[in-house]
Amino acid sequence: MHVVGMHAHGHGHEHEHGDVGVEVDDGHVSSHVRHVVVSQAQFNNLSAALMACFFAITTPMGIAVGAGISSVYNAKSPRALVVEGILDSISAGILIYMALVDLIAADFLSRRMSSNVRLQVASYIALFLGALSMSSLAIWA
């Protein structure tokens, strides 16, 4: 099977991705999908190097900022709790979006899945049970 384009992540998209031509075997997208999508952006070498540098320094910079404000940070203040809640919500939203749209959608829209109703039902049940179990972990987080 041959997938043309990367439109598995939503019908509401306004922009085009072009013809990507990603090979799919047995309903599973091959390992070069991300490479194809990233190379399709056609960044020049300087832009790619700058993005790689910023990606590499993000975590150390976050650790440095956290260590710097740890002496003046009051975790029990109402403002800190609101900011923490907002940041947690944004992080959860990004995680849900990436999981459902970029990772799971390709599997759910495959030819193998669309031609087998039992597989669809089992997959949706497994998806919802997994989401329910992950949500229940929030009780202890």
N, C-alpha and C. Protein backbone atom coordinates (compact mmCIF):
# COMPACT_ATOMS: atom_id res chain seq x y z
N MET A 1 0.85 -1.17 0.00
CA MET A 1 0.00 0.00 0.00
C MET A 1 0.89 1.23 0.00
N HIS A 2 0.43 2.30 -0.61
CA HIS A 2 1.21 3.52 -0.73
C HIS A 2 0.35 4.71 -0.30
N VAL A 3 0.81 5.49 0.67
CA VAL A 3 0.07 6.64 1.15
C VAL A 3 0.61 7.87 0.45
N VAL A 4 -0.26 8.67 -0.13
CA VAL A 4 0.16 9.90 -0.78
C VAL A 4 -0.34 11.06 0.05
N GLY A 5 0.59 11.88 0.53
CA GLY A 5 0.22 13.01 1.37
C GLY A 5 0.13 12.61 2.82
N MET A 6 0.13 13.59 3.70
CA MET A 6 0.04 13.35 5.13
C MET A 6 -1.22 14.03 5.67
N HIS A 7 -2.38 13.58 5.23
CA HIS A 7 -3.63 14.19 5.64
C HIS A 7 -4.34 13.39 6.72
N ALA A 8 -3.63 12.48 7.37
CA ALA A 8 -4.24 11.65 8.39
C ALA A 8 -4.50 12.41 9.67
N HIS A 9 -3.99 13.61 9.80
CA HIS A 9 -4.12 14.31 11.07
C HIS A 9 -5.23 15.34 11.09
N GLY A 10 -6.20 15.23 10.26
CA GLY A 10 -7.39 16.05 10.45
C GLY A 10 -7.94 16.57 9.14
N HIS A 11 -9.25 16.60 9.07
CA HIS A 11 -9.90 17.10 7.87
C HIS A 11 -10.00 18.61 7.89
N GLY A 12 -9.87 19.24 9.04
CA GLY A 12 -10.05 20.68 9.15
C GLY A 12 -8.83 21.49 8.78
N HIS A 13 -7.77 20.83 8.36
CA HIS A 13 -6.55 21.56 8.01
C HIS A 13 -6.77 22.38 6.75
N GLU A 14 -6.26 23.59 6.76
CA GLU A 14 -6.39 24.48 5.61
C GLU A 14 -5.18 24.39 4.69
N HIS A 15 -4.02 23.97 5.20
CA HIS A 15 -2.81 23.98 4.39
C HIS A 15 -2.56 22.62 3.75
N GLU A 16 -1.68 22.59 2.77
CA GLU A 16 -1.35 21.38 2.05
C GLU A 16 0.03 20.90 2.45
N HIS A 17 0.22 19.60 2.45
CA HIS A 17 1.53 19.02 2.74
C HIS A 17 2.22 18.53 1.49
N GLY A 18 1.53 18.46 0.39
CA GLY A 18 2.13 17.97 -0.84
C GLY A 18 2.14 16.45 -0.87
N ASP A 19 2.71 15.92 -1.90
CA ASP A 19 2.80 14.47 -2.04
C ASP A 19 4.04 13.98 -1.34
N VAL A 20 3.85 13.25 -0.25
CA VAL A 20 4.97 12.77 0.53
C VAL A 20 5.42 11.41 0.05
N GLY A 21 4.48 10.51 -0.24
CA GLY A 21 4.83 9.19 -0.72
C GLY A 21 5.48 8.34 0.35
N VAL A 22 4.74 7.98 1.38
CA VAL A 22 5.25 7.20 2.50
C VAL A 22 4.82 5.76 2.35
N GLU A 23 5.75 4.84 2.42
CA GLU A 23 5.43 3.43 2.31
C GLU A 23 4.78 2.92 3.59
N VAL A 24 3.76 2.09 3.45
CA VAL A 24 3.07 1.50 4.58
C VAL A 24 3.04 0.00 4.39
N ASP A 25 3.43 -0.75 5.43
CA ASP A 25 3.42 -2.21 5.37
C ASP A 25 2.48 -2.74 6.44
N ASP A 26 1.49 -3.54 6.06
CA ASP A 26 0.55 -4.16 6.99
C ASP A 26 -0.13 -3.15 7.90
N GLY A 27 -0.45 -1.96 7.39
CA GLY A 27 -1.15 -0.97 8.18
C GLY A 27 -0.26 -0.15 9.08
N HIS A 28 1.05 -0.38 9.07
CA HIS A 28 1.97 0.36 9.91
C HIS A 28 2.83 1.27 9.04
N VAL A 29 2.97 2.51 9.46
CA VAL A 29 3.76 3.48 8.72
C VAL A 29 5.23 3.17 8.92
N SER A 30 6.01 3.24 7.85
CA SER A 30 7.43 2.90 7.94
C SER A 30 8.20 3.93 8.74
N SER A 31 9.44 3.60 9.08
CA SER A 31 10.24 4.41 9.99
C SER A 31 10.71 5.72 9.39
N HIS A 32 10.64 5.89 8.10
CA HIS A 32 11.15 7.12 7.52
C HIS A 32 10.10 8.21 7.37
N VAL A 33 8.93 8.06 8.01
CA VAL A 33 7.86 9.05 7.91
C VAL A 33 8.32 10.39 8.46
N ARG A 34 8.88 10.40 9.66
CA ARG A 34 9.28 11.67 10.26
C ARG A 34 10.38 12.33 9.44
N HIS A 35 11.30 11.54 8.91
CA HIS A 35 12.36 12.10 8.09
C HIS A 35 11.78 12.77 6.85
N VAL A 36 10.79 12.13 6.22
CA VAL A 36 10.18 12.68 5.03
C VAL A 36 9.48 13.99 5.35
N VAL A 37 8.73 14.02 6.46
CA VAL A 37 7.99 15.22 6.82
C VAL A 37 8.95 16.34 7.19
N VAL A 38 10.01 16.04 7.94
CA VAL A 38 10.97 17.08 8.32
C VAL A 38 11.73 17.57 7.11
N SER A 39 12.15 16.68 6.23
CA SER A 39 12.89 17.11 5.06
C SER A 39 12.01 17.89 4.10
N GLN A 40 10.70 17.68 4.18
CA GLN A 40 9.78 18.42 3.33
C GLN A 40 9.75 19.90 3.69
N ALA A 41 10.09 20.24 4.94
CA ALA A 41 10.11 21.64 5.36
C ALA A 41 11.19 22.43 4.65
N GLN A 42 12.24 21.78 4.18
CA GLN A 42 13.31 22.37 3.40
C GLN A 42 13.97 23.55 4.11
N PHE A 43 14.40 23.33 5.35
CA PHE A 43 15.16 24.35 6.06
C PHE A 43 16.57 24.40 5.50
N ASN A 44 17.17 25.59 5.50
CA ASN A 44 18.57 25.65 5.09
C ASN A 44 19.44 25.17 6.25
N ASN A 45 20.72 24.97 6.01
CA ASN A 45 21.61 24.40 7.02
C ASN A 45 21.72 25.27 8.26
N LEU A 46 21.75 26.59 8.10
CA LEU A 46 21.85 27.49 9.25
C LEU A 46 20.62 27.38 10.13
N SER A 47 19.44 27.37 9.53
CA SER A 47 18.21 27.25 10.31
C SER A 47 18.16 25.92 11.05
N ALA A 48 18.54 24.85 10.37
CA ALA A 48 18.53 23.53 11.01
C ALA A 48 19.52 23.48 12.17
N ALA A 49 20.69 24.08 11.99
CA ALA A 49 21.70 24.11 13.06
C ALA A 49 21.22 24.95 14.24
N LEU A 50 20.59 26.09 13.97
CA LEU A 50 20.06 26.92 15.06
C LEU A 50 18.96 26.20 15.83
N MET A 51 18.07 25.52 15.12
CA MET A 51 17.00 24.78 15.80
C MET A 51 17.58 23.65 16.64
N ALA A 52 18.59 22.98 16.13
CA ALA A 52 19.23 21.90 16.90
C ALA A 52 19.90 22.46 18.15
N CYS A 53 20.54 23.62 18.04
CA CYS A 53 21.18 24.24 19.22
C CYS A 53 20.14 24.65 20.25
N PHE A 54 19.07 25.28 19.81
CA PHE A 54 18.02 25.67 20.77
C PHE A 54 17.39 24.45 21.42
N PHE A 55 17.19 23.39 20.66
CA PHE A 55 16.65 22.15 21.22
C PHE A 55 17.60 21.59 22.27
N ALA A 56 18.90 21.65 22.00
CA ALA A 56 19.90 21.08 22.91
C ALA A 56 20.03 21.88 24.20
N ILE A 57 19.79 23.19 24.15
CA ILE A 57 19.98 24.00 25.38
C ILE A 57 18.70 24.22 26.15
N THR A 58 17.57 23.75 25.65
CA THR A 58 16.29 23.99 26.33
C THR A 58 16.28 23.39 27.73
N THR A 59 16.63 22.13 27.89
CA THR A 59 16.60 21.49 29.20
C THR A 59 17.62 22.08 30.16
N PRO A 60 18.88 22.25 29.77
CA PRO A 60 19.83 22.88 30.70
C PRO A 60 19.41 24.29 31.11
N MET A 61 18.83 25.04 30.18
CA MET A 61 18.37 26.39 30.51
C MET A 61 17.21 26.32 31.50
N GLY A 62 16.30 25.39 31.33
CA GLY A 62 15.19 25.22 32.27
C GLY A 62 15.68 24.83 33.66
N ILE A 63 16.68 23.97 33.72
CA ILE A 63 17.25 23.58 35.01
C ILE A 63 17.90 24.78 35.68
N ALA A 64 18.62 25.60 34.91
CA ALA A 64 19.27 26.78 35.46
C ALA A 64 18.24 27.78 35.99
N VAL A 65 17.17 28.01 35.24
CA VAL A 65 16.13 28.94 35.70
C VAL A 65 15.46 28.39 36.95
N GLY A 66 15.16 27.09 36.97
CA GLY A 66 14.55 26.48 38.15
C GLY A 66 15.43 26.58 39.38
N ALA A 67 16.74 26.34 39.21
CA ALA A 67 17.66 26.46 40.34
C ALA A 67 17.78 27.91 40.79
N GLY A 68 17.71 28.83 39.85
CA GLY A 68 17.83 30.25 40.20
C GLY A 68 16.64 30.78 40.98
N ILE A 69 15.45 30.34 40.65
CA ILE A 69 14.26 30.86 41.34
C ILE A 69 13.83 30.00 42.52
N SER A 70 14.51 28.90 42.76
CA SER A 70 14.09 28.00 43.84
C SER A 70 14.18 28.66 45.22
N SER A 71 15.06 29.61 45.37
CA SER A 71 15.19 30.25 46.69
C SER A 71 14.07 31.25 46.96
N VAL A 72 13.46 31.81 45.93
CA VAL A 72 12.40 32.80 46.12
C VAL A 72 11.01 32.26 45.77
N TYR A 73 10.94 31.04 45.31
CA TYR A 73 9.68 30.45 44.85
C TYR A 73 8.92 29.88 46.03
N ASN A 74 7.65 30.26 46.18
CA ASN A 74 6.76 29.72 47.21
C ASN A 74 5.71 28.86 46.53
N ALA A 75 5.88 27.56 46.62
CA ALA A 75 5.00 26.63 45.91
C ALA A 75 3.57 26.64 46.44
N LYS A 76 3.35 27.17 47.64
CA LYS A 76 2.01 27.17 48.23
C LYS A 76 1.23 28.44 47.94
N SER A 77 1.83 29.42 47.29
CA SER A 77 1.12 30.68 47.02
C SER A 77 0.05 30.46 45.96
N PRO A 78 -1.05 31.21 46.03
CA PRO A 78 -2.13 31.05 45.04
C PRO A 78 -1.65 31.31 43.61
N ARG A 79 -0.80 32.29 43.42
CA ARG A 79 -0.31 32.61 42.08
C ARG A 79 0.50 31.44 41.52
N ALA A 80 1.34 30.84 42.34
CA ALA A 80 2.15 29.70 41.88
C ALA A 80 1.27 28.52 41.52
N LEU A 81 0.20 28.28 42.29
CA LEU A 81 -0.69 27.17 42.00
C LEU A 81 -1.45 27.39 40.68
N VAL A 82 -1.87 28.63 40.42
CA VAL A 82 -2.56 28.94 39.17
C VAL A 82 -1.62 28.76 37.98
N VAL A 83 -0.40 29.29 38.09
CA VAL A 83 0.57 29.16 37.01
C VAL A 83 0.90 27.69 36.77
N GLU A 84 1.08 26.94 37.82
CA GLU A 84 1.38 25.51 37.68
C GLU A 84 0.22 24.77 37.01
N GLY A 85 -1.01 25.10 37.39
CA GLY A 85 -2.18 24.48 36.76
C GLY A 85 -2.29 24.81 35.29
N ILE A 86 -2.03 26.05 34.93
CA ILE A 86 -2.08 26.45 33.51
C ILE A 86 -1.01 25.73 32.71
N LEU A 87 0.21 25.70 33.23
CA LEU A 87 1.29 25.02 32.51
C LEU A 87 1.04 23.52 32.40
N ASP A 88 0.50 22.91 33.46
CA ASP A 88 0.16 21.49 33.38
C ASP A 88 -0.92 21.23 32.34
N SER A 89 -1.90 22.11 32.26
CA SER A 89 -2.98 21.96 31.28
C SER A 89 -2.45 22.08 29.86
N ILE A 90 -1.57 23.03 29.63
CA ILE A 90 -0.98 23.19 28.30
C ILE A 90 -0.17 21.95 27.93
N SER A 91 0.61 21.45 28.87
CA SER A 91 1.41 20.24 28.61
C SER A 91 0.52 19.05 28.31
N ALA A 92 -0.55 18.88 29.06
CA ALA A 92 -1.47 17.76 28.82
C ALA A 92 -2.15 17.89 27.47
N GLY A 93 -2.53 19.10 27.10
CA GLY A 93 -3.16 19.32 25.80
C GLY A 93 -2.23 18.98 24.65
N ILE A 94 -0.97 19.39 24.77
CA ILE A 94 0.01 19.07 23.73
C ILE A 94 0.22 17.57 23.65
N LEU A 95 0.30 16.90 24.79
CA LEU A 95 0.49 15.45 24.81
C LEU A 95 -0.69 14.73 24.16
N ILE A 96 -1.90 15.13 24.48
CA ILE A 96 -3.09 14.51 23.90
C ILE A 96 -3.13 14.75 22.39
N TYR A 97 -2.84 15.97 21.97
CA TYR A 97 -2.83 16.28 20.54
C TYR A 97 -1.81 15.42 19.80
N MET A 98 -0.60 15.37 20.31
CA MET A 98 0.45 14.60 19.65
C MET A 98 0.09 13.12 19.59
N ALA A 99 -0.47 12.60 20.67
CA ALA A 99 -0.83 11.18 20.70
C ALA A 99 -1.95 10.87 19.71
N LEU A 100 -3.02 11.64 19.76
CA LEU A 100 -4.18 11.33 18.94
C LEU A 100 -4.00 11.71 17.48
N VAL A 101 -3.42 12.85 17.21
CA VAL A 101 -3.37 13.35 15.85
C VAL A 101 -2.15 12.87 15.08
N ASP A 102 -0.99 12.94 15.70
CA ASP A 102 0.23 12.60 14.97
C ASP A 102 0.61 11.13 15.07
N LEU A 103 0.26 10.45 16.14
CA LEU A 103 0.71 9.07 16.30
C LEU A 103 -0.38 8.05 16.00
N ILE A 104 -1.54 8.20 16.61
CA ILE A 104 -2.58 7.17 16.51
C ILE A 104 -3.40 7.30 15.22
N ALA A 105 -3.55 8.51 14.70
CA ALA A 105 -4.42 8.71 13.54
C ALA A 105 -3.97 7.89 12.34
N ALA A 106 -2.68 7.79 12.11
CA ALA A 106 -2.19 7.01 10.96
C ALA A 106 -2.61 5.55 11.07
N ASP A 107 -2.59 5.01 12.28
CA ASP A 107 -3.01 3.62 12.46
C ASP A 107 -4.52 3.46 12.28
N PHE A 108 -5.29 4.41 12.81
CA PHE A 108 -6.73 4.30 12.74
C PHE A 108 -7.26 4.57 11.33
N LEU A 109 -6.51 5.25 10.50
CA LEU A 109 -6.95 5.55 9.15
C LEU A 109 -6.35 4.61 8.11
N SER A 110 -5.68 3.58 8.54
CA SER A 110 -5.05 2.65 7.60
C SER A 110 -6.09 1.78 6.92
N ARG A 111 -5.72 1.19 5.81
CA ARG A 111 -6.63 0.33 5.06
C ARG A 111 -7.00 -0.91 5.89
N ARG A 112 -6.02 -1.44 6.61
CA ARG A 112 -6.27 -2.63 7.44
C ARG A 112 -7.35 -2.35 8.49
N MET A 113 -7.28 -1.18 9.11
CA MET A 113 -8.24 -0.83 10.14
C MET A 113 -9.62 -0.56 9.53
N SER A 114 -9.67 0.14 8.42
CA SER A 114 -10.97 0.51 7.85
C SER A 114 -11.71 -0.68 7.24
N SER A 115 -11.00 -1.76 6.95
CA SER A 115 -11.66 -2.92 6.34
C SER A 115 -12.07 -3.98 7.36
N ASN A 116 -11.77 -3.79 8.64
CA ASN A 116 -12.06 -4.79 9.66
C ASN A 116 -12.80 -4.14 10.83
N VAL A 117 -14.10 -4.38 10.92
CA VAL A 117 -14.93 -3.74 11.95
C VAL A 117 -14.54 -4.24 13.36
N ARG A 118 -14.25 -5.53 13.49
CA ARG A 118 -13.84 -6.05 14.81
C ARG A 118 -12.55 -5.38 15.29
N LEU A 119 -11.62 -5.17 14.39
CA LEU A 119 -10.37 -4.50 14.74
C LEU A 119 -10.63 -3.05 15.14
N GLN A 120 -11.55 -2.38 14.45
CA GLN A 120 -11.91 -1.01 14.80
C GLN A 120 -12.49 -0.94 16.21
N VAL A 121 -13.45 -1.81 16.50
CA VAL A 121 -14.09 -1.81 17.81
C VAL A 121 -13.07 -2.12 18.90
N ALA A 122 -12.26 -3.14 18.67
CA ALA A 122 -11.25 -3.50 19.67
C ALA A 122 -10.24 -2.37 19.87
N SER A 123 -9.86 -1.70 18.79
CA SER A 123 -8.89 -0.61 18.89
C SER A 123 -9.48 0.58 19.65
N TYR A 124 -10.72 0.93 19.37
CA TYR A 124 -11.34 2.04 20.09
C TYR A 124 -11.53 1.71 21.57
N ILE A 125 -11.92 0.48 21.87
CA ILE A 125 -12.05 0.08 23.27
C ILE A 125 -10.70 0.16 23.97
N ALA A 126 -9.66 -0.35 23.31
CA ALA A 126 -8.31 -0.28 23.90
C ALA A 126 -7.85 1.17 24.08
N LEU A 127 -8.16 2.02 23.11
CA LEU A 127 -7.79 3.44 23.21
C LEU A 127 -8.47 4.09 24.40
N PHE A 128 -9.78 3.87 24.55
CA PHE A 128 -10.50 4.49 25.66
C PHE A 128 -10.11 3.90 27.01
N LEU A 129 -9.86 2.60 27.07
CA LEU A 129 -9.40 2.00 28.33
C LEU A 129 -8.02 2.53 28.71
N GLY A 130 -7.15 2.70 27.72
CA GLY A 130 -5.84 3.28 27.99
C GLY A 130 -5.94 4.71 28.48
N ALA A 131 -6.80 5.50 27.84
CA ALA A 131 -7.00 6.89 28.28
C ALA A 131 -7.59 6.94 29.68
N LEU A 132 -8.53 6.04 29.98
CA LEU A 132 -9.13 5.99 31.31
C LEU A 132 -8.10 5.61 32.36
N SER A 133 -7.27 4.62 32.06
CA SER A 133 -6.26 4.21 33.05
C SER A 133 -5.21 5.29 33.25
N MET A 134 -4.82 5.98 32.20
CA MET A 134 -3.85 7.07 32.35
C MET A 134 -4.48 8.23 33.13
N SER A 135 -5.76 8.49 32.89
CA SER A 135 -6.44 9.55 33.65
C SER A 135 -6.56 9.21 35.12
N SER A 136 -6.78 7.93 35.40
CA SER A 136 -6.89 7.53 36.81
C SER A 136 -5.55 7.66 37.54
N LEU A 137 -4.44 7.65 36.82
CA LEU A 137 -3.15 7.87 37.44
C LEU A 137 -3.01 9.29 37.98
N ALA A 138 -3.82 10.20 37.47
CA ALA A 138 -3.77 11.59 37.93
C ALA A 138 -4.17 11.70 39.41
N ILE A 139 -4.87 10.72 39.92
CA ILE A 139 -5.26 10.73 41.33
C ILE A 139 -4.02 10.74 42.22
N TRP A 140 -2.98 10.01 41.80
CA TRP A 140 -1.78 9.91 42.62
C TRP A 140 -0.69 10.88 42.20
N ALA A 141 -0.89 11.59 41.11
CA ALA A 141 0.16 12.51 40.61
C ALA A 141 0.18 13.80 41.37
